[in-house]
């Protein structure tokens, strides 16, 4: 049997810190700190906060994987991953994917090939979950639609470029590493 109580410790716009007082099985009451974007953490854990978009594009030189190099304040460095963004209230997944793809890369959504069920980012720290969305895109890379607060460079990588990234000392997002490894190991971008 489980029992928990939440105590909201901060009151910020995008992310808050919570103390969870809990009791599991025969253990005495304990405390855990977590952060959440949700108004009802734990209870709404299966409602995805974000979309992680895994786009491919097919220019004349052959299929490429669209990878972002984005400055992330908590690591004070660039993280290599995929276009990612919050799902707005009332917004469906396809609309969020189309909007975020355009904002972060300048590319247009052609087709959604797969939407995962919610997967969790770092369950020891947060209840944040995301839909991994495999898509086909078209157009020209542009930062025209990026917000002023974003520092994003878009890379169009072939398999050799993916291998080079994996072999580097660069910081790679956990949500991207497995797919990057898959493309490098199979020698193709699906």
N, C-alpha and C. Protein backbone atom coordinates (compact mmCIF):
# COMPACT_ATOMS: atom_id res chain seq x y z
N UNK A 1 0.83 -1.19 0.00
CA UNK A 1 0.00 0.00 0.00
C UNK A 1 0.87 1.25 0.00
N UNK A 2 0.46 2.26 -0.77
CA UNK A 2 1.20 3.52 -0.86
C UNK A 2 0.33 4.68 -0.42
N UNK A 3 0.98 5.64 0.19
CA UNK A 3 0.28 6.84 0.59
C UNK A 3 1.26 8.00 0.43
N UNK A 4 0.79 9.13 -0.15
CA UNK A 4 1.67 10.29 -0.30
C UNK A 4 0.90 11.59 -0.15
N UNK A 5 1.64 12.63 0.23
CA UNK A 5 1.12 13.99 0.30
C UNK A 5 2.11 14.90 -0.41
N UNK A 6 1.58 15.86 -1.16
CA UNK A 6 2.42 16.82 -1.87
C UNK A 6 2.42 18.17 -1.17
N UNK A 7 3.60 18.79 -1.13
CA UNK A 7 3.73 20.15 -0.62
C UNK A 7 4.46 20.95 -1.69
N UNK A 8 3.77 21.90 -2.30
CA UNK A 8 4.37 22.74 -3.34
C UNK A 8 5.29 23.76 -2.68
N UNK A 9 6.59 23.74 -3.05
CA UNK A 9 7.58 24.58 -2.39
C UNK A 9 7.86 25.88 -3.15
N UNK A 10 7.53 25.92 -4.44
CA UNK A 10 7.77 27.13 -5.23
C UNK A 10 6.51 27.46 -6.02
N UNK A 11 6.48 28.66 -6.56
CA UNK A 11 5.33 29.08 -7.36
C UNK A 11 5.84 29.81 -8.60
N UNK A 12 6.39 29.05 -9.53
CA UNK A 12 6.96 29.61 -10.75
C UNK A 12 6.06 29.29 -11.95
N UNK A 13 6.30 29.98 -13.05
CA UNK A 13 5.43 29.82 -14.23
C UNK A 13 5.56 28.47 -14.90
N UNK A 14 6.78 27.99 -15.11
CA UNK A 14 6.99 26.82 -15.98
C UNK A 14 7.34 25.54 -15.25
N UNK A 15 7.85 25.65 -14.03
CA UNK A 15 8.35 24.47 -13.32
C UNK A 15 8.34 24.76 -11.83
N UNK A 16 7.94 23.77 -11.04
CA UNK A 16 7.91 23.97 -9.59
C UNK A 16 8.54 22.80 -8.85
N UNK A 17 8.96 23.10 -7.64
CA UNK A 17 9.57 22.11 -6.76
C UNK A 17 8.52 21.66 -5.75
N UNK A 18 8.46 20.35 -5.55
CA UNK A 18 7.49 19.76 -4.62
C UNK A 18 8.22 18.84 -3.65
N UNK A 19 7.73 18.82 -2.40
CA UNK A 19 8.15 17.80 -1.46
C UNK A 19 7.06 16.75 -1.45
N UNK A 20 7.44 15.50 -1.57
CA UNK A 20 6.50 14.39 -1.48
C UNK A 20 6.78 13.67 -0.17
N UNK A 21 5.82 13.67 0.72
CA UNK A 21 5.89 12.89 1.96
C UNK A 21 5.17 11.59 1.65
N UNK A 22 5.83 10.47 1.85
CA UNK A 22 5.24 9.21 1.43
C UNK A 22 5.57 8.07 2.39
N UNK A 23 4.75 7.05 2.28
CA UNK A 23 4.95 5.82 3.04
C UNK A 23 4.72 4.67 2.07
N UNK A 24 5.66 3.76 2.01
CA UNK A 24 5.58 2.59 1.11
C UNK A 24 5.67 1.33 1.95
N UNK A 25 4.75 0.42 1.70
CA UNK A 25 4.73 -0.89 2.36
C UNK A 25 4.84 -0.71 3.87
N UNK A 26 5.84 -1.32 4.49
CA UNK A 26 5.98 -1.25 5.95
C UNK A 26 7.00 -0.21 6.40
N UNK A 27 7.51 0.59 5.47
CA UNK A 27 8.51 1.61 5.80
C UNK A 27 7.88 2.78 6.55
N UNK A 28 8.70 3.49 7.30
CA UNK A 28 8.21 4.70 7.96
C UNK A 28 8.10 5.83 6.92
N UNK A 29 7.43 6.90 7.28
CA UNK A 29 7.25 8.02 6.36
C UNK A 29 8.60 8.62 5.97
N UNK A 30 8.70 8.97 4.68
CA UNK A 30 9.92 9.56 4.13
C UNK A 30 9.58 10.77 3.30
N UNK A 31 10.63 11.44 2.83
CA UNK A 31 10.45 12.65 2.04
C UNK A 31 11.28 12.57 0.75
N UNK A 32 10.73 13.12 -0.34
CA UNK A 32 11.42 13.16 -1.62
C UNK A 32 11.15 14.51 -2.25
N UNK A 33 12.17 15.10 -2.87
CA UNK A 33 11.97 16.34 -3.61
C UNK A 33 11.89 16.01 -5.09
N UNK A 34 10.97 16.67 -5.78
CA UNK A 34 10.82 16.47 -7.22
C UNK A 34 10.38 17.79 -7.85
N UNK A 35 10.59 17.90 -9.14
CA UNK A 35 10.07 19.07 -9.86
C UNK A 35 9.03 18.60 -10.87
N UNK A 36 8.12 19.51 -11.19
CA UNK A 36 7.04 19.18 -12.12
C UNK A 36 6.56 20.44 -12.82
N UNK A 37 6.08 20.26 -14.04
CA UNK A 37 5.41 21.33 -14.79
C UNK A 37 3.90 21.30 -14.54
N UNK A 38 3.43 20.25 -13.91
CA UNK A 38 2.00 20.00 -13.78
C UNK A 38 1.41 20.65 -12.53
N UNK A 39 0.12 20.92 -12.58
CA UNK A 39 -0.59 21.41 -11.40
C UNK A 39 -0.87 20.28 -10.42
N UNK A 40 -0.96 19.04 -10.93
CA UNK A 40 -1.24 17.87 -10.10
C UNK A 40 -0.17 16.80 -10.36
N UNK A 41 1.04 17.02 -9.84
CA UNK A 41 2.10 16.03 -10.05
C UNK A 41 1.68 14.65 -9.54
N UNK A 42 2.34 13.66 -10.02
CA UNK A 42 2.10 12.25 -9.73
C UNK A 42 0.75 11.82 -10.29
N UNK A 43 -0.32 12.48 -9.88
CA UNK A 43 -1.66 12.15 -10.37
C UNK A 43 -1.76 12.27 -11.90
N UNK A 44 -1.13 13.29 -12.47
CA UNK A 44 -1.17 13.52 -13.92
C UNK A 44 0.11 13.07 -14.63
N UNK A 45 0.85 12.17 -14.02
CA UNK A 45 2.16 11.77 -14.56
C UNK A 45 2.09 11.19 -15.97
N UNK A 46 0.99 10.55 -16.33
CA UNK A 46 0.93 9.95 -17.67
C UNK A 46 0.47 10.92 -18.75
N UNK A 47 0.19 12.15 -18.38
CA UNK A 47 -0.14 13.18 -19.38
C UNK A 47 1.17 13.83 -19.81
N UNK A 48 1.55 13.65 -21.06
CA UNK A 48 2.84 14.15 -21.55
C UNK A 48 2.91 15.67 -21.50
N UNK A 49 4.07 16.17 -21.11
CA UNK A 49 4.33 17.60 -21.06
C UNK A 49 4.85 18.12 -22.41
N UNK A 50 5.66 17.29 -23.06
CA UNK A 50 6.40 17.76 -24.24
C UNK A 50 6.35 16.75 -25.38
N UNK A 51 6.74 17.23 -26.54
CA UNK A 51 6.99 16.37 -27.69
C UNK A 51 8.48 16.44 -28.00
N UNK A 52 9.06 15.28 -28.28
CA UNK A 52 10.42 15.20 -28.79
C UNK A 52 10.27 14.72 -30.22
N UNK A 53 10.68 15.56 -31.15
CA UNK A 53 10.44 15.33 -32.57
C UNK A 53 11.71 14.77 -33.20
N UNK A 54 11.58 13.61 -33.84
CA UNK A 54 12.72 12.97 -34.50
C UNK A 54 12.47 13.08 -36.01
N UNK A 55 12.94 14.19 -36.61
CA UNK A 55 12.64 14.43 -38.02
C UNK A 55 13.72 13.90 -38.96
N UNK A 56 13.26 13.43 -40.10
CA UNK A 56 14.17 13.15 -41.21
C UNK A 56 13.76 14.07 -42.35
N UNK A 57 14.74 14.36 -43.18
CA UNK A 57 14.51 15.20 -44.36
C UNK A 57 15.25 14.52 -45.51
N UNK A 58 14.73 14.67 -46.71
CA UNK A 58 15.31 13.96 -47.84
C UNK A 58 15.75 14.94 -48.94
N UNK A 59 16.86 15.66 -48.71
CA UNK A 59 17.36 16.55 -49.76
C UNK A 59 18.02 15.75 -50.88
N UNK A 60 18.45 16.44 -51.91
CA UNK A 60 19.05 15.77 -53.08
C UNK A 60 20.22 14.86 -52.72
N UNK A 61 20.99 15.21 -51.70
CA UNK A 61 22.16 14.40 -51.34
C UNK A 61 21.83 13.18 -50.50
N UNK A 62 20.56 12.92 -50.23
CA UNK A 62 20.16 11.72 -49.50
C UNK A 62 19.55 12.03 -48.15
N UNK A 63 18.87 11.06 -47.59
CA UNK A 63 18.14 11.22 -46.32
C UNK A 63 19.07 11.65 -45.20
N UNK A 64 18.58 12.60 -44.41
CA UNK A 64 19.33 13.14 -43.28
C UNK A 64 18.46 13.14 -42.03
N UNK A 65 19.11 13.00 -40.90
CA UNK A 65 18.45 13.13 -39.61
C UNK A 65 18.62 14.57 -39.15
N UNK A 66 17.54 15.19 -38.69
CA UNK A 66 17.59 16.56 -38.20
C UNK A 66 17.93 16.52 -36.71
N UNK A 67 19.08 17.08 -36.36
CA UNK A 67 19.57 17.10 -34.98
C UNK A 67 19.74 18.55 -34.56
N UNK A 68 19.40 18.84 -33.32
CA UNK A 68 19.59 20.20 -32.82
C UNK A 68 20.77 20.26 -31.86
N UNK A 69 21.45 21.38 -31.90
CA UNK A 69 22.52 21.71 -30.95
C UNK A 69 21.98 22.92 -30.20
N UNK A 70 21.54 22.69 -28.95
CA UNK A 70 20.85 23.73 -28.21
C UNK A 70 21.55 24.03 -26.90
N UNK A 71 21.74 25.33 -26.61
CA UNK A 71 22.35 25.73 -25.35
C UNK A 71 21.36 25.45 -24.22
N UNK A 72 21.85 24.74 -23.20
CA UNK A 72 21.02 24.38 -22.04
C UNK A 72 21.68 24.92 -20.77
N UNK A 73 20.98 25.78 -20.07
CA UNK A 73 21.54 26.47 -18.91
C UNK A 73 21.99 25.50 -17.81
N UNK A 74 21.22 24.44 -17.43
CA UNK A 74 21.68 23.58 -16.34
C UNK A 74 23.02 22.89 -16.58
N UNK A 75 23.43 22.72 -17.84
CA UNK A 75 24.74 22.13 -18.11
C UNK A 75 25.73 23.17 -18.62
N UNK A 76 25.27 24.40 -18.79
CA UNK A 76 26.04 25.53 -19.29
C UNK A 76 26.88 25.14 -20.49
N UNK A 77 26.19 24.47 -21.41
CA UNK A 77 26.85 23.98 -22.62
C UNK A 77 25.76 23.62 -23.63
N UNK A 78 26.20 23.18 -24.78
CA UNK A 78 25.27 22.75 -25.81
C UNK A 78 24.95 21.27 -25.65
N UNK A 79 23.70 20.93 -25.87
CA UNK A 79 23.24 19.56 -25.84
C UNK A 79 22.76 19.20 -27.25
N UNK A 80 23.18 18.04 -27.72
CA UNK A 80 22.77 17.56 -29.03
C UNK A 80 21.57 16.64 -28.85
N UNK A 81 20.52 16.90 -29.59
CA UNK A 81 19.32 16.10 -29.46
C UNK A 81 18.39 16.36 -30.63
N UNK A 82 17.11 16.41 -30.33
CA UNK A 82 16.09 16.62 -31.35
C UNK A 82 15.23 17.82 -30.96
N UNK A 83 14.53 18.40 -31.94
CA UNK A 83 13.62 19.49 -31.62
C UNK A 83 12.62 19.04 -30.55
N UNK A 84 12.44 19.88 -29.55
CA UNK A 84 11.62 19.53 -28.40
C UNK A 84 10.82 20.74 -27.96
N UNK A 85 9.60 20.52 -27.52
CA UNK A 85 8.84 21.66 -27.01
C UNK A 85 7.63 21.24 -26.21
N UNK A 86 7.15 22.19 -25.44
CA UNK A 86 5.97 21.97 -24.60
C UNK A 86 4.72 21.81 -25.45
N UNK A 87 3.82 20.97 -24.97
CA UNK A 87 2.48 20.85 -25.56
C UNK A 87 1.62 21.89 -24.86
N UNK A 88 1.10 22.84 -25.61
CA UNK A 88 0.26 23.89 -25.02
C UNK A 88 -1.07 23.31 -24.53
N UNK A 89 -1.68 23.96 -23.55
CA UNK A 89 -2.99 23.53 -23.05
C UNK A 89 -3.98 23.44 -24.19
N UNK A 90 -4.66 22.30 -24.28
CA UNK A 90 -5.67 22.10 -25.31
C UNK A 90 -5.12 21.77 -26.69
N UNK A 91 -3.82 21.72 -26.84
CA UNK A 91 -3.19 21.45 -28.14
C UNK A 91 -3.03 19.95 -28.33
N UNK A 92 -3.36 19.45 -29.52
CA UNK A 92 -3.14 18.03 -29.76
C UNK A 92 -1.68 17.80 -30.17
N UNK A 93 -1.28 16.55 -30.16
CA UNK A 93 0.13 16.21 -30.40
C UNK A 93 0.58 16.66 -31.78
N UNK A 94 -0.21 16.41 -32.80
CA UNK A 94 0.18 16.78 -34.16
C UNK A 94 0.39 18.29 -34.30
N UNK A 95 -0.48 19.07 -33.68
CA UNK A 95 -0.33 20.53 -33.74
C UNK A 95 0.94 20.97 -33.02
N UNK A 96 1.22 20.37 -31.85
CA UNK A 96 2.44 20.71 -31.12
C UNK A 96 3.68 20.35 -31.93
N UNK A 97 3.65 19.19 -32.58
CA UNK A 97 4.78 18.76 -33.40
C UNK A 97 5.01 19.74 -34.55
N UNK A 98 3.96 20.07 -35.26
CA UNK A 98 4.08 20.98 -36.40
C UNK A 98 4.61 22.35 -35.96
N UNK A 99 4.06 22.88 -34.88
CA UNK A 99 4.47 24.19 -34.37
C UNK A 99 5.91 24.19 -33.89
N UNK A 100 6.27 23.22 -33.06
CA UNK A 100 7.63 23.18 -32.51
C UNK A 100 8.68 22.89 -33.60
N UNK A 101 8.36 22.02 -34.55
CA UNK A 101 9.28 21.75 -35.65
C UNK A 101 9.59 23.03 -36.41
N UNK A 102 8.56 23.81 -36.70
CA UNK A 102 8.73 25.06 -37.43
C UNK A 102 9.52 26.07 -36.59
N UNK A 103 9.16 26.22 -35.31
CA UNK A 103 9.82 27.19 -34.44
C UNK A 103 11.31 26.88 -34.26
N UNK A 104 11.65 25.61 -34.08
CA UNK A 104 13.03 25.27 -33.74
C UNK A 104 13.92 25.00 -34.94
N UNK A 105 13.33 24.65 -36.09
CA UNK A 105 14.17 24.30 -37.25
C UNK A 105 13.83 25.08 -38.51
N UNK A 106 12.64 25.65 -38.58
CA UNK A 106 12.19 26.30 -39.81
C UNK A 106 11.58 25.32 -40.80
N UNK A 107 11.62 24.02 -40.47
CA UNK A 107 11.12 22.99 -41.38
C UNK A 107 9.61 22.79 -41.22
N UNK A 108 9.01 22.28 -42.27
CA UNK A 108 7.57 21.98 -42.27
C UNK A 108 7.34 20.49 -42.09
N UNK A 109 6.31 20.17 -41.34
CA UNK A 109 5.91 18.79 -41.13
C UNK A 109 5.27 18.24 -42.39
N UNK A 110 5.74 17.08 -42.86
CA UNK A 110 5.16 16.41 -44.01
C UNK A 110 4.26 15.28 -43.53
N UNK A 111 4.79 14.44 -42.62
CA UNK A 111 4.07 13.24 -42.21
C UNK A 111 4.55 12.80 -40.83
N UNK A 112 3.60 12.37 -40.00
CA UNK A 112 3.93 11.75 -38.72
C UNK A 112 3.92 10.24 -38.94
N UNK A 113 5.06 9.60 -38.68
CA UNK A 113 5.17 8.15 -38.86
C UNK A 113 4.85 7.36 -37.59
N UNK A 114 5.12 7.95 -36.42
CA UNK A 114 4.85 7.23 -35.18
C UNK A 114 4.82 8.22 -34.01
N UNK A 115 3.90 7.98 -33.09
CA UNK A 115 3.84 8.72 -31.82
C UNK A 115 3.91 7.70 -30.70
N UNK A 116 4.91 7.83 -29.84
CA UNK A 116 5.03 6.90 -28.72
C UNK A 116 4.00 7.23 -27.65
N UNK A 117 3.74 6.27 -26.79
CA UNK A 117 3.01 6.58 -25.56
C UNK A 117 3.97 7.44 -24.72
N UNK A 118 3.48 8.09 -23.67
CA UNK A 118 4.39 8.92 -22.87
C UNK A 118 5.56 8.12 -22.31
N UNK A 119 6.76 8.66 -22.49
CA UNK A 119 7.98 8.09 -21.91
C UNK A 119 8.56 9.13 -20.96
N UNK A 120 9.24 8.68 -19.94
CA UNK A 120 9.65 9.57 -18.85
C UNK A 120 11.10 10.00 -19.00
N UNK A 121 11.34 11.27 -18.70
CA UNK A 121 12.65 11.90 -18.90
C UNK A 121 13.66 11.49 -17.85
N UNK A 122 13.32 11.64 -16.59
CA UNK A 122 14.22 11.33 -15.48
C UNK A 122 13.38 11.15 -14.23
N UNK A 123 12.82 9.95 -14.07
CA UNK A 123 11.82 9.70 -13.03
C UNK A 123 12.36 9.83 -11.60
N UNK A 124 13.65 9.92 -11.43
CA UNK A 124 14.20 10.16 -10.09
C UNK A 124 14.13 11.63 -9.70
N UNK A 125 13.90 12.49 -10.70
CA UNK A 125 13.91 13.94 -10.48
C UNK A 125 12.57 14.60 -10.78
N UNK A 126 11.84 14.07 -11.77
CA UNK A 126 10.65 14.76 -12.24
C UNK A 126 9.63 13.76 -12.79
N UNK A 127 8.39 14.21 -12.87
CA UNK A 127 7.33 13.41 -13.50
C UNK A 127 7.17 13.78 -14.98
N UNK A 128 8.08 14.58 -15.51
CA UNK A 128 8.01 15.00 -16.92
C UNK A 128 8.00 13.77 -17.83
N UNK A 129 7.05 13.79 -18.76
CA UNK A 129 7.02 12.75 -19.78
C UNK A 129 6.84 13.40 -21.14
N UNK A 130 7.19 12.64 -22.16
CA UNK A 130 7.13 13.18 -23.51
C UNK A 130 6.64 12.11 -24.48
N UNK A 131 6.11 12.60 -25.57
CA UNK A 131 5.82 11.73 -26.71
C UNK A 131 7.02 11.84 -27.64
N UNK A 132 7.62 10.71 -28.00
CA UNK A 132 8.66 10.67 -29.03
C UNK A 132 7.90 10.54 -30.34
N UNK A 133 8.14 11.46 -31.26
CA UNK A 133 7.36 11.51 -32.49
C UNK A 133 8.30 11.46 -33.69
N UNK A 134 8.19 10.37 -34.47
CA UNK A 134 9.02 10.19 -35.66
C UNK A 134 8.29 10.82 -36.84
N UNK A 135 8.96 11.76 -37.52
CA UNK A 135 8.30 12.51 -38.58
C UNK A 135 9.19 12.66 -39.81
N UNK A 136 8.53 13.00 -40.91
CA UNK A 136 9.22 13.42 -42.13
C UNK A 136 8.98 14.91 -42.28
N UNK A 137 10.04 15.63 -42.68
CA UNK A 137 9.96 17.08 -42.80
C UNK A 137 10.47 17.52 -44.17
N UNK A 138 10.19 18.78 -44.49
CA UNK A 138 10.70 19.35 -45.73
C UNK A 138 10.95 20.83 -45.51
N UNK A 139 11.67 21.44 -46.46
CA UNK A 139 11.90 22.88 -46.40
C UNK A 139 13.36 23.21 -46.19
N UNK A 140 13.59 24.46 -45.85
CA UNK A 140 14.93 24.98 -45.59
C UNK A 140 15.08 25.28 -44.11
N UNK A 141 16.21 24.91 -43.56
CA UNK A 141 16.51 25.20 -42.15
C UNK A 141 16.57 26.72 -41.98
N UNK A 142 15.92 27.19 -40.90
CA UNK A 142 15.89 28.63 -40.62
C UNK A 142 15.64 28.85 -39.14
N UNK A 143 16.18 29.94 -38.61
CA UNK A 143 15.89 30.32 -37.22
C UNK A 143 14.87 31.46 -37.17
N UNK A 144 14.22 31.72 -38.26
CA UNK A 144 13.26 32.82 -38.37
C UNK A 144 12.14 32.73 -37.34
N UNK A 145 11.71 31.54 -36.97
CA UNK A 145 10.58 31.35 -36.06
C UNK A 145 11.02 31.05 -34.63
N UNK A 146 12.32 31.04 -34.36
CA UNK A 146 12.82 30.76 -33.01
C UNK A 146 12.54 31.93 -32.08
N UNK A 147 12.36 31.62 -30.82
CA UNK A 147 12.22 32.66 -29.81
C UNK A 147 13.58 33.26 -29.51
N UNK A 148 13.60 34.52 -29.07
CA UNK A 148 14.86 35.21 -28.77
C UNK A 148 15.66 34.51 -27.67
N UNK A 149 14.98 33.78 -26.80
CA UNK A 149 15.65 33.10 -25.69
C UNK A 149 16.30 31.79 -26.10
N UNK A 150 16.04 31.32 -27.32
CA UNK A 150 16.58 30.04 -27.77
C UNK A 150 17.89 30.22 -28.52
N UNK A 151 18.82 29.34 -28.24
CA UNK A 151 20.12 29.31 -28.93
C UNK A 151 20.23 27.91 -29.53
N UNK A 152 19.73 27.77 -30.76
CA UNK A 152 19.64 26.47 -31.42
C UNK A 152 20.29 26.53 -32.78
N UNK A 153 21.13 25.53 -33.05
CA UNK A 153 21.69 25.33 -34.38
C UNK A 153 21.14 23.99 -34.89
N UNK A 154 20.74 23.94 -36.15
CA UNK A 154 20.17 22.73 -36.73
C UNK A 154 21.23 22.06 -37.59
N UNK A 155 21.39 20.75 -37.38
CA UNK A 155 22.34 19.95 -38.15
C UNK A 155 21.56 18.91 -38.93
N UNK A 156 21.94 18.70 -40.17
CA UNK A 156 21.36 17.64 -41.01
C UNK A 156 22.43 16.58 -41.17
N UNK A 157 22.30 15.48 -40.43
CA UNK A 157 23.36 14.49 -40.36
C UNK A 157 23.04 13.24 -41.17
N UNK A 158 24.06 12.77 -41.90
CA UNK A 158 24.00 11.45 -42.51
C UNK A 158 24.55 10.46 -41.49
N UNK A 159 24.61 9.19 -41.84
CA UNK A 159 25.06 8.16 -40.88
C UNK A 159 26.48 8.45 -40.39
N UNK A 160 27.36 8.89 -41.28
CA UNK A 160 28.74 9.20 -40.86
C UNK A 160 28.76 10.36 -39.88
N UNK A 161 27.93 11.36 -40.11
CA UNK A 161 27.82 12.49 -39.18
C UNK A 161 27.30 12.05 -37.82
N UNK A 162 26.37 11.11 -37.81
CA UNK A 162 25.85 10.57 -36.55
C UNK A 162 26.95 9.82 -35.82
N UNK A 163 27.72 9.02 -36.54
CA UNK A 163 28.84 8.29 -35.91
C UNK A 163 29.85 9.26 -35.32
N UNK A 164 30.17 10.31 -36.06
CA UNK A 164 31.12 11.31 -35.56
C UNK A 164 30.60 11.96 -34.27
N UNK A 165 29.32 12.28 -34.23
CA UNK A 165 28.73 12.88 -33.04
C UNK A 165 28.82 11.92 -31.85
N UNK A 166 28.47 10.65 -32.07
CA UNK A 166 28.53 9.66 -31.00
C UNK A 166 29.96 9.45 -30.49
N UNK A 167 30.95 9.57 -31.36
CA UNK A 167 32.34 9.36 -30.98
C UNK A 167 32.95 10.60 -30.32
N UNK A 168 32.28 11.71 -30.39
CA UNK A 168 32.81 12.96 -29.84
C UNK A 168 32.61 13.02 -28.33
N UNK A 169 33.13 14.05 -27.73
CA UNK A 169 32.96 14.31 -26.29
C UNK A 169 31.79 15.26 -26.05
N UNK A 170 30.96 15.47 -27.07
CA UNK A 170 29.85 16.41 -26.96
C UNK A 170 28.73 15.82 -26.10
N UNK A 171 27.95 16.70 -25.52
CA UNK A 171 26.86 16.28 -24.62
C UNK A 171 25.64 15.93 -25.46
N UNK A 172 25.19 14.69 -25.34
CA UNK A 172 24.06 14.18 -26.12
C UNK A 172 22.89 13.92 -25.18
N UNK A 173 21.71 14.37 -25.59
CA UNK A 173 20.50 14.16 -24.79
C UNK A 173 20.21 12.67 -24.65
N UNK A 174 19.81 12.26 -23.47
CA UNK A 174 19.47 10.85 -23.23
C UNK A 174 18.35 10.39 -24.16
N UNK A 175 17.41 11.29 -24.44
CA UNK A 175 16.29 10.94 -25.32
C UNK A 175 16.74 10.78 -26.77
N UNK A 176 17.94 11.19 -27.10
CA UNK A 176 18.44 11.09 -28.48
C UNK A 176 19.45 9.96 -28.65
N UNK A 177 20.19 9.64 -27.61
CA UNK A 177 21.32 8.73 -27.76
C UNK A 177 20.92 7.38 -28.36
N UNK A 178 19.86 6.77 -27.87
CA UNK A 178 19.47 5.44 -28.36
C UNK A 178 19.15 5.43 -29.85
N UNK A 179 18.43 6.43 -30.31
CA UNK A 179 18.11 6.49 -31.74
C UNK A 179 19.36 6.78 -32.57
N UNK A 180 20.21 7.67 -32.08
CA UNK A 180 21.46 7.95 -32.79
C UNK A 180 22.29 6.66 -32.92
N UNK A 181 22.38 5.92 -31.81
CA UNK A 181 23.13 4.67 -31.82
C UNK A 181 22.52 3.68 -32.81
N UNK A 182 21.20 3.59 -32.82
CA UNK A 182 20.49 2.69 -33.75
C UNK A 182 20.84 3.03 -35.20
N UNK A 183 20.74 4.30 -35.57
CA UNK A 183 21.04 4.69 -36.95
C UNK A 183 22.50 4.39 -37.31
N UNK A 184 23.40 4.62 -36.38
CA UNK A 184 24.82 4.34 -36.64
C UNK A 184 25.05 2.83 -36.78
N UNK A 185 24.41 2.03 -35.92
CA UNK A 185 24.61 0.58 -35.94
C UNK A 185 24.00 -0.09 -37.17
N UNK A 186 22.84 0.42 -37.61
CA UNK A 186 22.16 -0.18 -38.75
C UNK A 186 22.65 0.40 -40.09
N UNK A 187 23.45 1.45 -39.99
CA UNK A 187 24.03 2.09 -41.16
C UNK A 187 22.97 2.71 -42.09
N UNK A 188 21.83 3.08 -41.50
CA UNK A 188 20.80 3.74 -42.29
C UNK A 188 19.90 4.59 -41.42
N UNK A 189 19.32 5.59 -42.02
CA UNK A 189 18.36 6.46 -41.35
C UNK A 189 16.99 6.05 -41.89
N UNK A 190 16.15 5.49 -41.01
CA UNK A 190 14.82 5.00 -41.42
C UNK A 190 13.87 6.16 -41.63
